[in-house]
């Protein structure tokens, strides 16, 4: 599992949850770090949680980069956001067709996606 989030507390919580379920977890603090992990030749992740709002490289921009690169990870992304009210955000999320967890969410919701 790869957790891409710029908030250390959120990343730690997700990481701990995945580890408790027996998964190996890598944390990328920010979009650029996530990009580096997702494009490293040796890194392959079964699931990627991707925050939408990050100051260095937003989730939508990272998604666009991955799609342009033909990355198989685009089919493994679960978006995590606290901003699902914005019309532009809703449009983006609908276009991707990927699952979305809205903060705050229940860990049972995340477990169901796994």
C-alpha atoms as a PDB file:
ATOM      1  CA  UNK A   1       0.000   0.000   0.000  1.00  0.00           C
ATOM      2  CA  UNK A   2       1.103   3.546  -0.671  1.00  0.00           C
ATOM      3  CA  UNK A   3      -0.307   6.439   1.326  1.00  0.00           C
ATOM      4  CA  UNK A   4       0.165   9.831  -0.367  1.00  0.00           C
ATOM      5  CA  UNK A   5      -0.841  12.688   1.922  1.00  0.00           C
ATOM      6  CA  UNK A   6       0.775  15.942   3.020  1.00  0.00           C
ATOM      7  CA  UNK A   7      -0.651  15.701   6.556  1.00  0.00           C
ATOM      8  CA  UNK A   8       1.616  13.491   8.693  1.00  0.00           C
ATOM      9  CA  UNK A   9      -1.180  12.662  11.163  1.00  0.00           C
ATOM     10  CA  UNK A  10      -3.489  11.426   8.401  1.00  0.00           C
ATOM     11  CA  UNK A  11      -0.675   9.482   6.732  1.00  0.00           C
ATOM     12  CA  UNK A  12       0.299   7.866  10.044  1.00  0.00           C
ATOM     13  CA  UNK A  13      -3.301   6.899  10.805  1.00  0.00           C
ATOM     14  CA  UNK A  14      -3.784   5.283   7.395  1.00  0.00           C
ATOM     15  CA  UNK A  15      -0.416   3.568   7.601  1.00  0.00           C
ATOM     16  CA  UNK A  16      -1.155   2.144  11.047  1.00  0.00           C
ATOM     17  CA  UNK A  17      -4.541   0.889   9.904  1.00  0.00           C
ATOM     18  CA  UNK A  18      -3.090  -0.893   6.867  1.00  0.00           C
ATOM     19  CA  UNK A  19      -0.318  -2.420   8.957  1.00  0.00           C
ATOM     20  CA  UNK A  20      -2.843  -3.715  11.494  1.00  0.00           C
ATOM     21  CA  UNK A  21      -4.561  -5.489   8.593  1.00  0.00           C
ATOM     22  CA  UNK A  22      -1.239  -7.122   7.686  1.00  0.00           C
ATOM     23  CA  UNK A  23      -0.237  -4.969   4.730  1.00  0.00           C
ATOM     24  CA  UNK A  24       3.160  -3.486   3.972  1.00  0.00           C
ATOM     25  CA  UNK A  25       2.892   0.288   3.776  1.00  0.00           C
ATOM     26  CA  UNK A  26       4.960   3.080   2.313  1.00  0.00           C
ATOM     27  CA  UNK A  27       4.154   6.701   3.131  1.00  0.00           C
ATOM     28  CA  UNK A  28       4.828   9.571   0.748  1.00  0.00           C
ATOM     29  CA  UNK A  29       4.424  12.965   2.402  1.00  0.00           C
ATOM     30  CA  UNK A  30       3.234  15.081  -0.504  1.00  0.00           C
ATOM     31  CA  UNK A  31       2.447  14.732  -4.167  1.00  0.00           C
ATOM     32  CA  UNK A  32       6.017  14.991  -5.462  1.00  0.00           C
ATOM     33  CA  UNK A  33       7.143  12.247  -3.089  1.00  0.00           C
ATOM     34  CA  UNK A  34       4.184  10.162  -4.256  1.00  0.00           C
ATOM     35  CA  UNK A  35       5.166  10.721  -7.893  1.00  0.00           C
ATOM     36  CA  UNK A  36       8.703   9.565  -7.161  1.00  0.00           C
ATOM     37  CA  UNK A  37       7.433   6.404  -5.448  1.00  0.00           C
ATOM     38  CA  UNK A  38       4.870   5.618  -8.136  1.00  0.00           C
ATOM     39  CA  UNK A  39       7.378   5.975 -10.962  1.00  0.00           C
ATOM     40  CA  UNK A  40      10.259   4.106  -9.329  1.00  0.00           C
ATOM     41  CA  UNK A  41      10.974   0.977 -11.359  1.00  0.00           C
ATOM     42  CA  UNK A  42      11.028  -1.339  -8.351  1.00  0.00           C
ATOM     43  CA  UNK A  43       7.862   0.008  -6.663  1.00  0.00           C
ATOM     44  CA  UNK A  44       4.530  -1.649  -7.349  1.00  0.00           C
ATOM     45  CA  UNK A  45       1.562  -1.014  -5.082  1.00  0.00           C
ATOM     46  CA  UNK A  46      -1.734  -2.874  -4.800  1.00  0.00           C
ATOM     47  CA  UNK A  47      -3.557   0.190  -3.480  1.00  0.00           C
ATOM     48  CA  UNK A  48      -2.745   3.903  -3.387  1.00  0.00           C
ATOM     49  CA  UNK A  49      -4.594   6.370  -1.178  1.00  0.00           C
ATOM     50  CA  UNK A  50      -4.193   9.809  -2.716  1.00  0.00           C
ATOM     51  CA  UNK A  51      -5.114  13.088  -1.036  1.00  0.00           C
ATOM     52  CA  UNK A  52      -6.567  15.688  -3.390  1.00  0.00           C
ATOM     53  CA  UNK A  53      -5.300  18.878  -1.755  1.00  0.00           C
ATOM     54  CA  UNK A  54      -1.540  19.002  -1.351  1.00  0.00           C
ATOM     55  CA  UNK A  55       0.567  22.143  -1.752  1.00  0.00           C
ATOM     56  CA  UNK A  56       3.454  20.750  -3.798  1.00  0.00           C
ATOM     57  CA  UNK A  57       1.608  18.520  -6.290  1.00  0.00           C
ATOM     58  CA  UNK A  58      -2.144  18.077  -5.980  1.00  0.00           C
ATOM     59  CA  UNK A  59      -3.886  14.757  -6.305  1.00  0.00           C
ATOM     60  CA  UNK A  60      -5.502  15.722  -9.632  1.00  0.00           C
ATOM     61  CA  UNK A  61      -2.156  16.830 -11.077  1.00  0.00           C
ATOM     62  CA  UNK A  62      -0.498  13.608  -9.882  1.00  0.00           C
ATOM     63  CA  UNK A  63      -3.405  11.602 -11.366  1.00  0.00           C
ATOM     64  CA  UNK A  64      -2.922  13.412 -14.706  1.00  0.00           C
ATOM     65  CA  UNK A  65       0.806  12.665 -14.696  1.00  0.00           C
ATOM     66  CA  UNK A  66       0.192   8.988 -13.969  1.00  0.00           C
ATOM     67  CA  UNK A  67      -2.417   8.711 -16.729  1.00  0.00           C
ATOM     68  CA  UNK A  68      -0.122  10.440 -19.229  1.00  0.00           C
ATOM     69  CA  UNK A  69       2.670   8.011 -18.291  1.00  0.00           C
ATOM     70  CA  UNK A  70       0.366   5.001 -18.722  1.00  0.00           C
ATOM     71  CA  UNK A  71       0.888   3.935 -15.123  1.00  0.00           C
ATOM     72  CA  UNK A  72      -1.061   0.877 -13.962  1.00  0.00           C
ATOM     73  CA  UNK A  73      -1.402   2.601 -10.585  1.00  0.00           C
ATOM     74  CA  UNK A  74      -4.285   4.773 -11.852  1.00  0.00           C
ATOM     75  CA  UNK A  75      -6.511   1.700 -11.503  1.00  0.00           C
ATOM     76  CA  UNK A  76      -5.442   1.253  -7.874  1.00  0.00           C
ATOM     77  CA  UNK A  77      -6.089   4.749  -6.539  1.00  0.00           C
ATOM     78  CA  UNK A  78      -8.554   5.622  -3.807  1.00  0.00           C
ATOM     79  CA  UNK A  79      -8.915   9.372  -3.420  1.00  0.00           C
ATOM     80  CA  UNK A  80      -9.034  10.788   0.102  1.00  0.00           C
ATOM     81  CA  UNK A  81     -10.349  14.301   0.556  1.00  0.00           C
ATOM     82  CA  UNK A  82     -11.972  16.721   2.922  1.00  0.00           C
ATOM     83  CA  UNK A  83     -13.186  18.809  -0.033  1.00  0.00           C
ATOM     84  CA  UNK A  84     -15.925  16.986  -1.913  1.00  0.00           C
ATOM     85  CA  UNK A  85     -18.359  19.926  -1.922  1.00  0.00           C
ATOM     86  CA  UNK A  86     -16.539  21.991  -4.536  1.00  0.00           C
ATOM     87  CA  UNK A  87     -18.138  21.559  -7.982  1.00  0.00           C
ATOM     88  CA  UNK A  88     -14.784  21.291  -9.763  1.00  0.00           C
ATOM     89  CA  UNK A  89     -13.674  18.584  -7.300  1.00  0.00           C
ATOM     90  CA  UNK A  90     -16.879  16.625  -7.797  1.00  0.00           C
ATOM     91  CA  UNK A  91     -16.488  16.815 -11.564  1.00  0.00           C
ATOM     92  CA  UNK A  92     -12.894  15.591 -11.372  1.00  0.00           C
ATOM     93  CA  UNK A  93     -13.791  12.693  -9.087  1.00  0.00           C
ATOM     94  CA  UNK A  94     -16.671  11.617 -11.324  1.00  0.00           C
ATOM     95  CA  UNK A  95     -14.421  11.693 -14.390  1.00  0.00           C
ATOM     96  CA  UNK A  96     -11.848   9.406 -12.779  1.00  0.00           C
ATOM     97  CA  UNK A  97     -14.378   6.778 -11.796  1.00  0.00           C
ATOM     98  CA  UNK A  98     -12.210   5.903  -8.798  1.00  0.00           C
ATOM     99  CA  UNK A  99     -13.428   5.367  -5.223  1.00  0.00           C
ATOM    100  CA  UNK A 100     -13.433   8.353  -2.875  1.00  0.00           C
ATOM    101  CA  UNK A 101     -13.222   8.526   0.904  1.00  0.00           C
ATOM    102  CA  UNK A 102     -14.380  11.831   2.356  1.00  0.00           C
ATOM    103  CA  UNK A 103     -12.624  12.973   5.534  1.00  0.00           C
ATOM    104  CA  UNK A 104     -13.509  12.200   8.191  1.00  0.00           C
ATOM    105  CA  UNK A 105     -14.275   8.609   7.234  1.00  0.00           C
ATOM    106  CA  UNK A 106     -14.672   5.393   9.137  1.00  0.00           C
ATOM    107  CA  UNK A 107     -11.896   2.855   8.918  1.00  0.00           C
ATOM    108  CA  UNK A 108     -14.585   0.299   8.051  1.00  0.00           C
ATOM    109  CA  UNK A 109     -15.165   2.256   4.817  1.00  0.00           C
ATOM    110  CA  UNK A 110     -11.497   1.923   3.928  1.00  0.00           C
ATOM    111  CA  UNK A 111     -11.454  -1.755   4.864  1.00  0.00           C
ATOM    112  CA  UNK A 112     -14.411  -2.356   2.545  1.00  0.00           C
ATOM    113  CA  UNK A 113     -12.435  -0.871  -0.364  1.00  0.00           C
ATOM    114  CA  UNK A 114      -9.486  -3.170   0.241  1.00  0.00           C
END
